[in-house]
Amino acid sequence: MKRVNAFLNRSGSGKAELSPTLTSPVGRPFEHKPLDETQSSLRLLTLSPELSADGTIQGYVSHSTLERASYVCLSYCWGPAEYVRIHINGAPFHVRKNLFDFLDLVRILPMTFYWIDAICLDMENVSERNHQIKQMGQIYSRAFLVYAWLGKMAKMAPFMTHLRSGSKGLQGQSGPPRNTIIQARDMVKSCVFNNEYWSRAWVRTSLPSIP
């Protein structure tokens, strides 16, 4: 908590001036505080690298504006309706398994602010949803980085070592068997190039056209 507060305070002297809301009581579900819909406001998430006392991922949501915020956006598929509990501002909050896997991966990275729709939007607030949809293009275009999360691909793990060493085999050095390289290539094609992420409407419309 001290680390997060220090980070939020430090950001206030720079480009992002946030108003942390870290006082939700433990036990009650996390509730979004209203956004100021008279300006380009948005919520941002920071993740603690440390798990809570019960081993739960924990994050903190703050408010900012597009003009002042510096953040990373996440582009991903929601995936199956399988939910996992995390803590937001000290209160329980449930996210889908695909998003949970992403949070578990990046929480150990240097602390930054994230804009993630499932957490930073109050999905039950119609007025807010309309407000955020109108500025969705700006939210993504103003991010200094956008992650495209294709999901956790456990079945690719055995092939990663072979892929890394495959170039050595091509240079005449010892490398994995050819059939292993072919299997790894096919696995990448299946998991990455044929990933359902690329078929989503918002991804297809934003991809540059290829002559």
N, C-alpha and C. Protein backbone atom coordinates (compact mmCIF):
# COMPACT_ATOMS: atom_id res chain seq x y z
N MET A 1 0.82 -1.21 0.00
CA MET A 1 0.00 0.00 0.00
C MET A 1 0.85 1.25 0.00
N LYS A 2 1.92 1.29 0.81
CA LYS A 2 2.80 2.46 0.86
C LYS A 2 3.43 2.71 -0.50
N ARG A 3 3.82 1.60 -1.16
CA ARG A 3 4.45 1.74 -2.48
C ARG A 3 3.48 2.34 -3.48
N VAL A 4 2.22 1.90 -3.46
CA VAL A 4 1.23 2.42 -4.39
C VAL A 4 0.95 3.89 -4.13
N ASN A 5 0.76 4.26 -2.85
CA ASN A 5 0.50 5.65 -2.52
C ASN A 5 1.65 6.56 -2.95
N ALA A 6 2.89 6.08 -2.74
CA ALA A 6 4.05 6.87 -3.15
C ALA A 6 4.06 7.05 -4.66
N PHE A 7 3.70 5.98 -5.39
CA PHE A 7 3.67 6.06 -6.85
C PHE A 7 2.60 7.04 -7.32
N LEU A 8 1.44 6.99 -6.70
CA LEU A 8 0.36 7.90 -7.07
C LEU A 8 0.73 9.35 -6.78
N ASN A 9 1.36 9.58 -5.62
CA ASN A 9 1.76 10.94 -5.27
C ASN A 9 2.82 11.46 -6.22
N ARG A 10 3.76 10.59 -6.61
CA ARG A 10 4.83 11.00 -7.51
C ARG A 10 4.25 11.35 -8.88
N SER A 11 3.24 10.60 -9.31
CA SER A 11 2.62 10.87 -10.60
C SER A 11 1.90 12.21 -10.60
N GLY A 12 1.46 12.65 -9.45
CA GLY A 12 0.73 13.90 -9.37
C GLY A 12 1.57 15.10 -9.75
N SER A 13 2.90 15.01 -9.65
CA SER A 13 3.75 16.14 -9.99
C SER A 13 4.14 16.11 -11.45
N GLY A 14 3.74 15.04 -12.17
CA GLY A 14 4.11 14.92 -13.56
C GLY A 14 2.89 15.00 -14.45
N LYS A 15 2.85 14.14 -15.43
CA LYS A 15 1.80 14.20 -16.43
C LYS A 15 0.48 13.67 -15.90
N ALA A 16 0.53 12.65 -15.07
CA ALA A 16 -0.70 12.05 -14.55
C ALA A 16 -0.97 12.53 -13.14
N GLU A 17 -2.09 13.22 -12.96
CA GLU A 17 -2.49 13.68 -11.64
C GLU A 17 -3.74 12.92 -11.26
N LEU A 18 -3.58 11.96 -10.36
CA LEU A 18 -4.66 11.04 -10.06
C LEU A 18 -5.24 11.29 -8.68
N SER A 19 -6.46 10.87 -8.53
CA SER A 19 -7.13 10.95 -7.24
C SER A 19 -7.37 9.54 -6.74
N PRO A 20 -6.47 8.97 -5.94
CA PRO A 20 -6.63 7.58 -5.51
C PRO A 20 -7.85 7.38 -4.66
N THR A 21 -8.51 6.25 -4.87
CA THR A 21 -9.68 5.89 -4.05
C THR A 21 -9.38 4.52 -3.46
N LEU A 22 -8.70 4.50 -2.32
CA LEU A 22 -8.17 3.25 -1.78
C LEU A 22 -8.84 2.84 -0.48
N THR A 23 -10.08 3.27 -0.26
CA THR A 23 -10.67 3.08 1.06
C THR A 23 -11.87 2.13 1.06
N SER A 24 -12.07 1.35 0.00
CA SER A 24 -13.19 0.41 0.00
C SER A 24 -13.02 -0.61 1.11
N PRO A 25 -14.04 -0.86 1.91
CA PRO A 25 -13.90 -1.80 3.01
C PRO A 25 -13.73 -3.23 2.53
N VAL A 26 -12.87 -3.98 3.18
CA VAL A 26 -12.65 -5.38 2.84
C VAL A 26 -13.93 -6.16 3.12
N GLY A 27 -14.29 -7.06 2.22
CA GLY A 27 -15.48 -7.88 2.40
C GLY A 27 -16.62 -7.44 1.50
N ARG A 28 -16.80 -6.16 1.29
CA ARG A 28 -17.82 -5.66 0.39
C ARG A 28 -17.26 -5.63 -1.03
N PRO A 29 -18.06 -6.00 -2.03
CA PRO A 29 -17.57 -5.98 -3.42
C PRO A 29 -17.13 -4.57 -3.82
N PHE A 30 -16.15 -4.51 -4.68
CA PHE A 30 -15.66 -3.22 -5.16
C PHE A 30 -16.75 -2.49 -5.94
N GLU A 31 -16.91 -1.21 -5.67
CA GLU A 31 -17.88 -0.38 -6.38
C GLU A 31 -17.15 0.79 -7.01
N HIS A 32 -17.40 1.01 -8.32
CA HIS A 32 -16.79 2.13 -9.02
C HIS A 32 -17.36 3.45 -8.52
N LYS A 33 -16.49 4.39 -8.24
CA LYS A 33 -16.97 5.74 -7.94
C LYS A 33 -17.22 6.46 -9.25
N PRO A 34 -18.23 7.31 -9.33
CA PRO A 34 -18.63 7.93 -10.60
C PRO A 34 -17.49 8.73 -11.25
N LEU A 35 -17.44 8.65 -12.58
CA LEU A 35 -16.51 9.47 -13.33
C LEU A 35 -17.11 10.86 -13.55
N ASP A 36 -16.27 11.83 -13.75
CA ASP A 36 -16.72 13.17 -14.11
C ASP A 36 -16.97 13.18 -15.61
N GLU A 37 -18.24 13.09 -16.00
CA GLU A 37 -18.58 12.98 -17.41
C GLU A 37 -18.58 14.32 -18.13
N THR A 38 -18.22 15.40 -17.44
CA THR A 38 -18.12 16.71 -18.09
C THR A 38 -16.77 16.91 -18.74
N GLN A 39 -15.84 15.96 -18.52
CA GLN A 39 -14.52 16.06 -19.14
C GLN A 39 -14.06 14.67 -19.57
N SER A 40 -12.86 14.60 -20.14
CA SER A 40 -12.35 13.33 -20.69
C SER A 40 -11.75 12.48 -19.58
N SER A 41 -12.55 12.14 -18.60
CA SER A 41 -12.07 11.39 -17.45
C SER A 41 -12.06 9.89 -17.74
N LEU A 42 -11.24 9.18 -17.00
CA LEU A 42 -11.16 7.73 -17.10
C LEU A 42 -10.56 7.17 -15.83
N ARG A 43 -10.72 5.89 -15.62
CA ARG A 43 -10.11 5.22 -14.48
C ARG A 43 -8.86 4.49 -14.95
N LEU A 44 -7.90 4.37 -14.07
CA LEU A 44 -6.67 3.64 -14.38
C LEU A 44 -6.36 2.67 -13.25
N LEU A 45 -5.77 1.56 -13.61
CA LEU A 45 -5.45 0.50 -12.66
C LEU A 45 -3.95 0.39 -12.44
N THR A 46 -3.53 0.26 -11.20
CA THR A 46 -2.16 -0.13 -10.88
C THR A 46 -2.22 -1.47 -10.18
N LEU A 47 -1.20 -2.29 -10.40
CA LEU A 47 -1.15 -3.62 -9.80
C LEU A 47 -0.03 -3.70 -8.78
N SER A 48 -0.31 -4.32 -7.67
CA SER A 48 0.73 -4.59 -6.69
C SER A 48 1.50 -5.83 -7.12
N PRO A 49 2.83 -5.80 -7.05
CA PRO A 49 3.59 -7.01 -7.38
C PRO A 49 3.43 -8.11 -6.34
N GLU A 50 2.92 -7.74 -5.18
CA GLU A 50 2.76 -8.68 -4.09
C GLU A 50 1.30 -9.12 -3.96
N LEU A 51 1.11 -10.38 -3.67
CA LEU A 51 -0.23 -10.90 -3.45
C LEU A 51 -0.74 -10.49 -2.08
N SER A 52 -2.05 -10.53 -1.91
CA SER A 52 -2.64 -10.21 -0.61
C SER A 52 -2.33 -11.34 0.37
N ALA A 53 -2.73 -11.16 1.61
CA ALA A 53 -2.45 -12.15 2.66
C ALA A 53 -3.06 -13.51 2.32
N ASP A 54 -4.17 -13.52 1.56
CA ASP A 54 -4.79 -14.80 1.19
C ASP A 54 -4.38 -15.25 -0.20
N GLY A 55 -3.31 -14.65 -0.75
CA GLY A 55 -2.77 -15.09 -2.03
C GLY A 55 -3.51 -14.57 -3.24
N THR A 56 -4.19 -13.44 -3.10
CA THR A 56 -5.00 -12.88 -4.18
C THR A 56 -4.28 -11.72 -4.87
N ILE A 57 -4.40 -11.63 -6.19
CA ILE A 57 -3.87 -10.48 -6.91
C ILE A 57 -4.61 -9.24 -6.44
N GLN A 58 -3.86 -8.15 -6.23
CA GLN A 58 -4.49 -6.93 -5.75
C GLN A 58 -4.06 -5.73 -6.60
N GLY A 59 -5.03 -4.87 -6.86
CA GLY A 59 -4.77 -3.66 -7.64
C GLY A 59 -5.52 -2.49 -7.05
N TYR A 60 -5.25 -1.30 -7.62
CA TYR A 60 -5.85 -0.07 -7.11
C TYR A 60 -6.30 0.78 -8.29
N VAL A 61 -7.53 1.29 -8.21
CA VAL A 61 -8.12 2.09 -9.27
C VAL A 61 -8.14 3.55 -8.86
N SER A 62 -7.71 4.42 -9.78
CA SER A 62 -7.70 5.86 -9.56
C SER A 62 -8.33 6.57 -10.75
N HIS A 63 -8.67 7.83 -10.58
CA HIS A 63 -9.27 8.62 -11.64
C HIS A 63 -8.24 9.60 -12.22
N SER A 64 -8.35 9.82 -13.53
CA SER A 64 -7.49 10.80 -14.20
C SER A 64 -8.24 11.34 -15.41
N THR A 65 -7.55 12.11 -16.25
CA THR A 65 -8.11 12.59 -17.51
C THR A 65 -7.16 12.23 -18.63
N LEU A 66 -7.67 12.17 -19.85
CA LEU A 66 -6.85 11.79 -20.99
C LEU A 66 -5.67 12.73 -21.18
N GLU A 67 -5.87 14.00 -20.90
CA GLU A 67 -4.82 14.99 -21.13
C GLU A 67 -3.65 14.83 -20.17
N ARG A 68 -3.89 14.28 -18.99
CA ARG A 68 -2.86 14.22 -17.96
C ARG A 68 -2.30 12.82 -17.71
N ALA A 69 -2.99 11.82 -18.22
CA ALA A 69 -2.61 10.45 -17.86
C ALA A 69 -1.56 9.87 -18.79
N SER A 70 -0.73 9.00 -18.23
CA SER A 70 0.24 8.19 -18.97
C SER A 70 -0.03 6.75 -18.59
N TYR A 71 -0.37 5.91 -19.56
CA TYR A 71 -0.88 4.59 -19.22
C TYR A 71 -0.67 3.61 -20.36
N VAL A 72 -0.93 2.33 -20.06
CA VAL A 72 -0.88 1.23 -21.02
C VAL A 72 -2.30 0.71 -21.21
N CYS A 73 -2.67 0.44 -22.47
CA CYS A 73 -3.98 -0.15 -22.75
C CYS A 73 -3.83 -1.65 -22.99
N LEU A 74 -4.89 -2.38 -22.70
CA LEU A 74 -4.92 -3.80 -22.97
C LEU A 74 -6.00 -4.09 -24.00
N SER A 75 -5.61 -4.80 -25.07
CA SER A 75 -6.54 -5.27 -26.08
C SER A 75 -6.56 -6.80 -25.99
N TYR A 76 -7.73 -7.39 -25.82
CA TYR A 76 -7.82 -8.82 -25.57
C TYR A 76 -9.24 -9.32 -25.81
N CYS A 77 -9.41 -10.63 -25.82
CA CYS A 77 -10.74 -11.23 -25.85
C CYS A 77 -11.17 -11.56 -24.42
N TRP A 78 -12.42 -11.36 -24.12
CA TRP A 78 -12.89 -11.65 -22.78
C TRP A 78 -12.76 -13.13 -22.47
N GLY A 79 -13.05 -13.99 -23.43
CA GLY A 79 -12.93 -15.42 -23.19
C GLY A 79 -14.15 -15.99 -22.47
N PRO A 80 -14.11 -17.29 -22.15
CA PRO A 80 -15.23 -17.96 -21.48
C PRO A 80 -15.57 -17.29 -20.14
N ALA A 81 -16.83 -17.43 -19.74
CA ALA A 81 -17.30 -16.82 -18.50
C ALA A 81 -16.88 -17.64 -17.28
N GLU A 82 -15.58 -17.77 -17.12
CA GLU A 82 -15.00 -18.44 -15.95
C GLU A 82 -14.30 -17.36 -15.12
N TYR A 83 -14.78 -17.12 -13.91
CA TYR A 83 -14.34 -15.95 -13.15
C TYR A 83 -13.40 -16.32 -12.00
N VAL A 84 -12.49 -15.39 -11.73
CA VAL A 84 -11.52 -15.54 -10.64
C VAL A 84 -11.56 -14.26 -9.81
N ARG A 85 -11.46 -14.42 -8.50
CA ARG A 85 -11.53 -13.25 -7.61
C ARG A 85 -10.16 -12.59 -7.47
N ILE A 86 -10.17 -11.26 -7.53
CA ILE A 86 -9.00 -10.45 -7.20
C ILE A 86 -9.46 -9.39 -6.21
N HIS A 87 -8.55 -8.52 -5.78
CA HIS A 87 -8.92 -7.41 -4.92
C HIS A 87 -8.64 -6.09 -5.65
N ILE A 88 -9.61 -5.21 -5.64
CA ILE A 88 -9.45 -3.86 -6.17
C ILE A 88 -9.72 -2.88 -5.04
N ASN A 89 -8.75 -2.04 -4.76
CA ASN A 89 -8.87 -1.08 -3.64
C ASN A 89 -9.25 -1.79 -2.35
N GLY A 90 -8.75 -3.01 -2.17
CA GLY A 90 -8.99 -3.75 -0.95
C GLY A 90 -10.30 -4.50 -0.90
N ALA A 91 -11.09 -4.43 -1.97
CA ALA A 91 -12.40 -5.08 -2.00
C ALA A 91 -12.44 -6.17 -3.06
N PRO A 92 -13.25 -7.21 -2.87
CA PRO A 92 -13.33 -8.30 -3.85
C PRO A 92 -13.88 -7.83 -5.19
N PHE A 93 -13.31 -8.37 -6.26
CA PHE A 93 -13.75 -8.06 -7.61
C PHE A 93 -13.45 -9.29 -8.47
N HIS A 94 -14.36 -9.64 -9.37
CA HIS A 94 -14.18 -10.85 -10.18
C HIS A 94 -13.89 -10.50 -11.64
N VAL A 95 -12.89 -11.15 -12.19
CA VAL A 95 -12.53 -10.97 -13.60
C VAL A 95 -12.52 -12.33 -14.28
N ARG A 96 -12.65 -12.31 -15.59
CA ARG A 96 -12.60 -13.58 -16.33
C ARG A 96 -11.18 -14.15 -16.31
N LYS A 97 -11.12 -15.47 -16.50
CA LYS A 97 -9.85 -16.18 -16.37
C LYS A 97 -8.79 -15.65 -17.34
N ASN A 98 -9.18 -15.29 -18.56
CA ASN A 98 -8.22 -14.81 -19.54
C ASN A 98 -7.57 -13.51 -19.06
N LEU A 99 -8.36 -12.61 -18.49
CA LEU A 99 -7.81 -11.36 -17.95
C LEU A 99 -6.98 -11.65 -16.71
N PHE A 100 -7.43 -12.56 -15.88
CA PHE A 100 -6.67 -12.92 -14.68
C PHE A 100 -5.26 -13.40 -15.05
N ASP A 101 -5.16 -14.22 -16.10
CA ASP A 101 -3.85 -14.71 -16.53
C ASP A 101 -2.94 -13.56 -16.93
N PHE A 102 -3.50 -12.55 -17.60
CA PHE A 102 -2.70 -11.38 -17.98
C PHE A 102 -2.23 -10.62 -16.74
N LEU A 103 -3.13 -10.37 -15.80
CA LEU A 103 -2.78 -9.64 -14.59
C LEU A 103 -1.70 -10.37 -13.80
N ASP A 104 -1.81 -11.68 -13.74
CA ASP A 104 -0.83 -12.49 -13.01
C ASP A 104 0.55 -12.40 -13.66
N LEU A 105 0.57 -12.22 -14.98
CA LEU A 105 1.83 -12.14 -15.71
C LEU A 105 2.50 -10.78 -15.53
N VAL A 106 1.74 -9.69 -15.62
CA VAL A 106 2.35 -8.35 -15.64
C VAL A 106 2.48 -7.72 -14.26
N ARG A 107 1.90 -8.31 -13.23
CA ARG A 107 1.96 -7.67 -11.92
C ARG A 107 3.39 -7.55 -11.38
N ILE A 108 4.30 -8.39 -11.86
CA ILE A 108 5.69 -8.34 -11.39
C ILE A 108 6.53 -7.37 -12.21
N LEU A 109 5.95 -6.77 -13.26
CA LEU A 109 6.68 -5.79 -14.06
C LEU A 109 6.74 -4.47 -13.31
N PRO A 110 7.64 -3.55 -13.75
CA PRO A 110 7.68 -2.23 -13.11
C PRO A 110 6.30 -1.59 -13.08
N MET A 111 5.96 -0.97 -11.97
CA MET A 111 4.62 -0.46 -11.76
C MET A 111 4.26 0.61 -12.78
N THR A 112 3.08 0.48 -13.36
CA THR A 112 2.57 1.47 -14.31
C THR A 112 1.05 1.52 -14.18
N PHE A 113 0.43 2.38 -14.96
CA PHE A 113 -1.02 2.48 -14.97
C PHE A 113 -1.56 1.73 -16.19
N TYR A 114 -2.67 1.02 -16.00
CA TYR A 114 -3.31 0.28 -17.08
C TYR A 114 -4.74 0.76 -17.26
N TRP A 115 -5.17 0.79 -18.53
CA TRP A 115 -6.59 0.95 -18.81
C TRP A 115 -7.08 -0.38 -19.36
N ILE A 116 -7.98 -1.02 -18.61
CA ILE A 116 -8.53 -2.32 -18.99
C ILE A 116 -10.05 -2.23 -18.83
N ASP A 117 -10.78 -2.44 -19.90
CA ASP A 117 -12.21 -2.18 -19.89
C ASP A 117 -12.96 -2.88 -18.77
N ALA A 118 -12.69 -4.17 -18.55
CA ALA A 118 -13.46 -4.95 -17.57
C ALA A 118 -13.29 -4.44 -16.14
N ILE A 119 -12.22 -3.71 -15.89
CA ILE A 119 -11.95 -3.18 -14.54
C ILE A 119 -12.20 -1.68 -14.47
N CYS A 120 -11.81 -0.97 -15.51
CA CYS A 120 -11.85 0.49 -15.47
C CYS A 120 -13.19 1.07 -15.89
N LEU A 121 -14.10 0.24 -16.38
CA LEU A 121 -15.44 0.70 -16.74
C LEU A 121 -16.47 0.12 -15.77
N ASP A 122 -17.44 0.93 -15.41
CA ASP A 122 -18.58 0.45 -14.64
C ASP A 122 -19.60 -0.05 -15.65
N MET A 123 -19.61 -1.35 -15.90
CA MET A 123 -20.41 -1.92 -16.97
C MET A 123 -21.92 -1.76 -16.74
N GLU A 124 -22.33 -1.51 -15.50
CA GLU A 124 -23.74 -1.38 -15.20
C GLU A 124 -24.24 0.06 -15.31
N ASN A 125 -23.32 0.99 -15.55
CA ASN A 125 -23.68 2.41 -15.64
C ASN A 125 -23.79 2.79 -17.12
N VAL A 126 -25.01 2.88 -17.63
CA VAL A 126 -25.23 3.13 -19.05
C VAL A 126 -24.68 4.49 -19.47
N SER A 127 -24.90 5.51 -18.66
CA SER A 127 -24.42 6.84 -18.98
C SER A 127 -22.90 6.86 -19.09
N GLU A 128 -22.25 6.18 -18.15
CA GLU A 128 -20.78 6.12 -18.19
C GLU A 128 -20.30 5.34 -19.41
N ARG A 129 -20.95 4.23 -19.72
CA ARG A 129 -20.54 3.44 -20.89
C ARG A 129 -20.59 4.29 -22.15
N ASN A 130 -21.67 5.06 -22.32
CA ASN A 130 -21.79 5.93 -23.49
C ASN A 130 -20.69 6.98 -23.51
N HIS A 131 -20.39 7.52 -22.35
CA HIS A 131 -19.33 8.53 -22.23
C HIS A 131 -17.98 7.96 -22.63
N GLN A 132 -17.69 6.75 -22.17
CA GLN A 132 -16.40 6.13 -22.45
C GLN A 132 -16.30 5.65 -23.90
N ILE A 133 -17.41 5.16 -24.47
CA ILE A 133 -17.40 4.71 -25.85
C ILE A 133 -17.07 5.86 -26.79
N LYS A 134 -17.58 7.04 -26.48
CA LYS A 134 -17.33 8.21 -27.33
C LYS A 134 -15.84 8.56 -27.39
N GLN A 135 -15.11 8.27 -26.31
CA GLN A 135 -13.69 8.62 -26.30
C GLN A 135 -12.79 7.38 -26.39
N MET A 136 -13.37 6.23 -26.81
CA MET A 136 -12.60 4.99 -26.87
C MET A 136 -11.42 5.11 -27.81
N GLY A 137 -11.63 5.75 -28.96
CA GLY A 137 -10.52 5.92 -29.90
C GLY A 137 -9.37 6.69 -29.29
N GLN A 138 -9.70 7.74 -28.54
CA GLN A 138 -8.65 8.54 -27.89
C GLN A 138 -7.97 7.77 -26.76
N ILE A 139 -8.75 6.96 -26.05
CA ILE A 139 -8.17 6.19 -24.95
C ILE A 139 -7.04 5.30 -25.47
N TYR A 140 -7.29 4.63 -26.59
CA TYR A 140 -6.26 3.73 -27.14
C TYR A 140 -5.15 4.51 -27.84
N SER A 141 -5.49 5.56 -28.57
CA SER A 141 -4.47 6.29 -29.33
C SER A 141 -3.54 7.10 -28.43
N ARG A 142 -4.00 7.49 -27.25
CA ARG A 142 -3.17 8.27 -26.33
C ARG A 142 -2.31 7.39 -25.42
N ALA A 143 -2.56 6.09 -25.40
CA ALA A 143 -1.75 5.19 -24.58
C ALA A 143 -0.33 5.15 -25.13
N PHE A 144 0.68 5.09 -24.23
CA PHE A 144 2.05 5.02 -24.72
C PHE A 144 2.42 3.60 -25.13
N LEU A 145 1.54 2.64 -24.82
CA LEU A 145 1.76 1.25 -25.21
C LEU A 145 0.43 0.52 -25.16
N VAL A 146 0.20 -0.38 -26.14
CA VAL A 146 -1.00 -1.22 -26.14
C VAL A 146 -0.56 -2.67 -26.21
N TYR A 147 -0.96 -3.45 -25.22
CA TYR A 147 -0.68 -4.88 -25.23
C TYR A 147 -1.79 -5.60 -25.98
N ALA A 148 -1.42 -6.48 -26.91
CA ALA A 148 -2.38 -7.39 -27.53
C ALA A 148 -2.19 -8.74 -26.86
N TRP A 149 -3.13 -9.10 -26.01
CA TRP A 149 -3.02 -10.33 -25.21
C TRP A 149 -3.76 -11.44 -25.92
N LEU A 150 -3.03 -12.46 -26.36
CA LEU A 150 -3.64 -13.59 -27.08
C LEU A 150 -4.02 -14.74 -26.17
N GLY A 151 -3.73 -14.59 -24.89
CA GLY A 151 -4.10 -15.63 -23.94
C GLY A 151 -2.90 -16.46 -23.51
N LYS A 152 -3.11 -17.21 -22.47
CA LYS A 152 -2.07 -18.08 -21.94
C LYS A 152 -2.02 -19.36 -22.77
N MET A 153 -0.86 -19.65 -23.35
CA MET A 153 -0.72 -20.77 -24.27
C MET A 153 0.18 -21.83 -23.68
N ALA A 154 -0.34 -22.59 -22.74
CA ALA A 154 0.47 -23.59 -22.04
C ALA A 154 1.01 -24.66 -22.98
N LYS A 155 0.24 -25.00 -24.01
CA LYS A 155 0.68 -26.08 -24.90
C LYS A 155 1.84 -25.67 -25.80
N MET A 156 2.16 -24.36 -25.83
CA MET A 156 3.31 -23.91 -26.62
C MET A 156 4.61 -24.00 -25.85
N ALA A 157 4.52 -24.07 -24.52
CA ALA A 157 5.71 -24.03 -23.68
C ALA A 157 6.77 -25.06 -24.06
N PRO A 158 6.41 -26.33 -24.30
CA PRO A 158 7.44 -27.33 -24.62
C PRO A 158 8.22 -27.01 -25.89
N PHE A 159 7.62 -26.21 -26.77
CA PHE A 159 8.26 -25.94 -28.06
C PHE A 159 9.15 -24.69 -28.05
N MET A 160 9.04 -23.86 -27.01
CA MET A 160 9.75 -22.59 -27.02
C MET A 160 11.26 -22.79 -27.04
N THR A 161 11.76 -23.74 -26.29
CA THR A 161 13.20 -24.00 -26.29
C THR A 161 13.67 -24.43 -27.67
N HIS A 162 12.88 -25.27 -28.33
CA HIS A 162 13.24 -25.73 -29.66
C HIS A 162 13.24 -24.58 -30.66
N LEU A 163 12.27 -23.65 -30.51
CA LEU A 163 12.21 -22.51 -31.41
C LEU A 163 13.44 -21.62 -31.25
N ARG A 164 13.85 -21.42 -29.97
CA ARG A 164 15.01 -20.57 -29.73
C ARG A 164 16.29 -21.17 -30.30
N SER A 165 16.38 -22.47 -30.29
CA SER A 165 17.60 -23.13 -30.76
C SER A 165 17.51 -23.53 -32.23
N GLY A 166 16.34 -23.31 -32.84
CA GLY A 166 16.16 -23.72 -34.23
C GLY A 166 17.11 -23.03 -35.19
N SER A 167 17.42 -21.73 -34.95
CA SER A 167 18.30 -20.99 -35.85
C SER A 167 19.71 -21.56 -35.82
N LYS A 168 20.15 -22.11 -34.70
CA LYS A 168 21.49 -22.70 -34.62
C LYS A 168 21.59 -23.91 -35.54
N GLY A 169 20.48 -24.69 -35.58
CA GLY A 169 20.51 -25.85 -36.45
C GLY A 169 20.63 -25.44 -37.91
N LEU A 170 19.99 -24.30 -38.29
CA LEU A 170 20.06 -23.83 -39.66
C LEU A 170 21.46 -23.35 -40.01
N GLN A 171 22.26 -22.96 -39.03
CA GLN A 171 23.61 -22.47 -39.26
C GLN A 171 24.64 -23.59 -39.22
N GLY A 172 24.19 -24.82 -39.24
CA GLY A 172 25.11 -25.93 -39.25
C GLY A 172 25.49 -26.44 -37.88
N GLN A 173 24.98 -25.81 -36.84
CA GLN A 173 25.27 -26.27 -35.49
C GLN A 173 24.19 -27.25 -35.06
N SER A 174 24.43 -27.87 -33.92
CA SER A 174 23.45 -28.84 -33.42
C SER A 174 22.15 -28.14 -33.08
N GLY A 175 21.05 -28.69 -33.46
CA GLY A 175 19.75 -28.12 -33.20
C GLY A 175 18.72 -29.20 -33.03
N PRO A 176 17.47 -28.85 -32.79
CA PRO A 176 16.42 -29.85 -32.60
C PRO A 176 16.12 -30.56 -33.91
N PRO A 177 15.53 -31.74 -33.84
CA PRO A 177 15.16 -32.48 -35.05
C PRO A 177 14.21 -31.66 -35.92
N ARG A 178 14.28 -31.89 -37.20
CA ARG A 178 13.46 -31.13 -38.15
C ARG A 178 11.98 -31.28 -37.86
N ASN A 179 11.55 -32.50 -37.53
CA ASN A 179 10.13 -32.72 -37.27
C ASN A 179 9.66 -31.94 -36.05
N THR A 180 10.56 -31.74 -35.06
CA THR A 180 10.21 -30.94 -33.88
C THR A 180 10.03 -29.49 -34.25
N ILE A 181 10.89 -28.98 -35.11
CA ILE A 181 10.77 -27.59 -35.57
C ILE A 181 9.47 -27.41 -36.35
N ILE A 182 9.12 -28.38 -37.17
CA ILE A 182 7.88 -28.29 -37.94
C ILE A 182 6.66 -28.30 -37.01
N GLN A 183 6.70 -29.15 -35.99
CA GLN A 183 5.60 -29.19 -35.02
C GLN A 183 5.49 -27.86 -34.28
N ALA A 184 6.64 -27.29 -33.91
CA ALA A 184 6.63 -26.01 -33.21
C ALA A 184 6.07 -24.91 -34.11
N ARG A 185 6.47 -24.93 -35.38
CA ARG A 185 5.96 -23.94 -36.33
C ARG A 185 4.44 -24.05 -36.46
N ASP A 186 3.94 -25.27 -36.56
CA ASP A 186 2.50 -25.48 -36.68
C ASP A 186 1.77 -25.05 -35.42
N MET A 187 2.41 -25.24 -34.26
CA MET A 187 1.80 -24.83 -33.00
C MET A 187 1.69 -23.30 -32.93
N VAL A 188 2.74 -22.61 -33.38
CA VAL A 188 2.69 -21.14 -33.42
C VAL A 188 1.58 -20.67 -34.35
N LYS A 189 1.47 -21.32 -35.50
CA LYS A 189 0.41 -20.95 -36.45
C LYS A 189 -0.96 -21.13 -35.82
N SER A 190 -1.14 -22.23 -35.09
CA SER A 190 -2.43 -22.51 -34.48
C SER A 190 -2.75 -21.55 -33.34
N CYS A 191 -1.76 -21.33 -32.47
CA CYS A 191 -2.00 -20.54 -31.26
C CYS A 191 -1.95 -19.03 -31.49
N VAL A 192 -1.12 -18.60 -32.43
CA VAL A 192 -0.91 -17.17 -32.64
C VAL A 192 -1.66 -16.67 -33.87
N PHE A 193 -1.30 -17.16 -35.05
CA PHE A 193 -1.87 -16.62 -36.27
C PHE A 193 -3.35 -16.95 -36.44
N ASN A 194 -3.77 -18.09 -35.90
CA ASN A 194 -5.18 -18.47 -35.99
C ASN A 194 -5.93 -18.19 -34.69
N ASN A 195 -5.35 -17.39 -33.83
CA ASN A 195 -5.99 -17.06 -32.56
C ASN A 195 -7.29 -16.30 -32.80
N GLU A 196 -8.30 -16.58 -31.97
CA GLU A 196 -9.60 -15.92 -32.14
C GLU A 196 -9.52 -14.41 -31.99
N TYR A 197 -8.47 -13.92 -31.36
CA TYR A 197 -8.30 -12.47 -31.17
C TYR A 197 -8.38 -11.73 -32.50
N TRP A 198 -7.77 -12.30 -33.54
CA TRP A 198 -7.69 -11.61 -34.83
C TRP A 198 -9.02 -11.57 -35.56
N SER A 199 -9.99 -12.37 -35.11
CA SER A 199 -11.29 -12.41 -35.77
C SER A 199 -12.29 -11.46 -35.14
N ARG A 200 -11.93 -10.85 -34.01
CA ARG A 200 -12.85 -9.94 -33.34
C ARG A 200 -13.08 -8.69 -34.18
N ALA A 201 -14.29 -8.17 -34.15
CA ALA A 201 -14.67 -7.07 -35.04
C ALA A 201 -13.79 -5.84 -34.85
N TRP A 202 -13.53 -5.48 -33.58
CA TRP A 202 -12.77 -4.24 -33.35
C TRP A 202 -11.30 -4.39 -33.77
N VAL A 203 -10.80 -5.61 -33.80
CA VAL A 203 -9.43 -5.83 -34.25
C VAL A 203 -9.36 -5.78 -35.77
N ARG A 204 -10.30 -6.44 -36.44
CA ARG A 204 -10.32 -6.48 -37.90
C ARG A 204 -10.47 -5.09 -38.48
N THR A 205 -11.29 -4.25 -37.87
CA THR A 205 -11.51 -2.91 -38.41
C THR A 205 -10.34 -1.97 -38.14
N SER A 206 -9.50 -2.30 -37.16
CA SER A 206 -8.38 -1.42 -36.83
C SER A 206 -7.08 -1.84 -37.47
N LEU A 207 -7.02 -3.07 -38.03
CA LEU A 207 -5.82 -3.53 -38.68
C LEU A 207 -5.62 -2.81 -40.00
N PRO A 208 -4.37 -2.43 -40.34
CA PRO A 208 -4.12 -1.78 -41.63
C PRO A 208 -4.38 -2.73 -42.79
N SER A 209 -4.90 -2.19 -43.87
CA SER A 209 -5.17 -3.03 -45.04
C SER A 209 -3.86 -3.40 -45.73
N ILE A 210 -3.79 -4.61 -46.24
CA ILE A 210 -2.59 -5.08 -46.93
C ILE A 210 -2.90 -5.14 -48.43
N PRO A 211 -2.11 -4.44 -49.26
CA PRO A 211 -2.39 -4.42 -50.70
C PRO A 211 -2.35 -5.84 -51.28
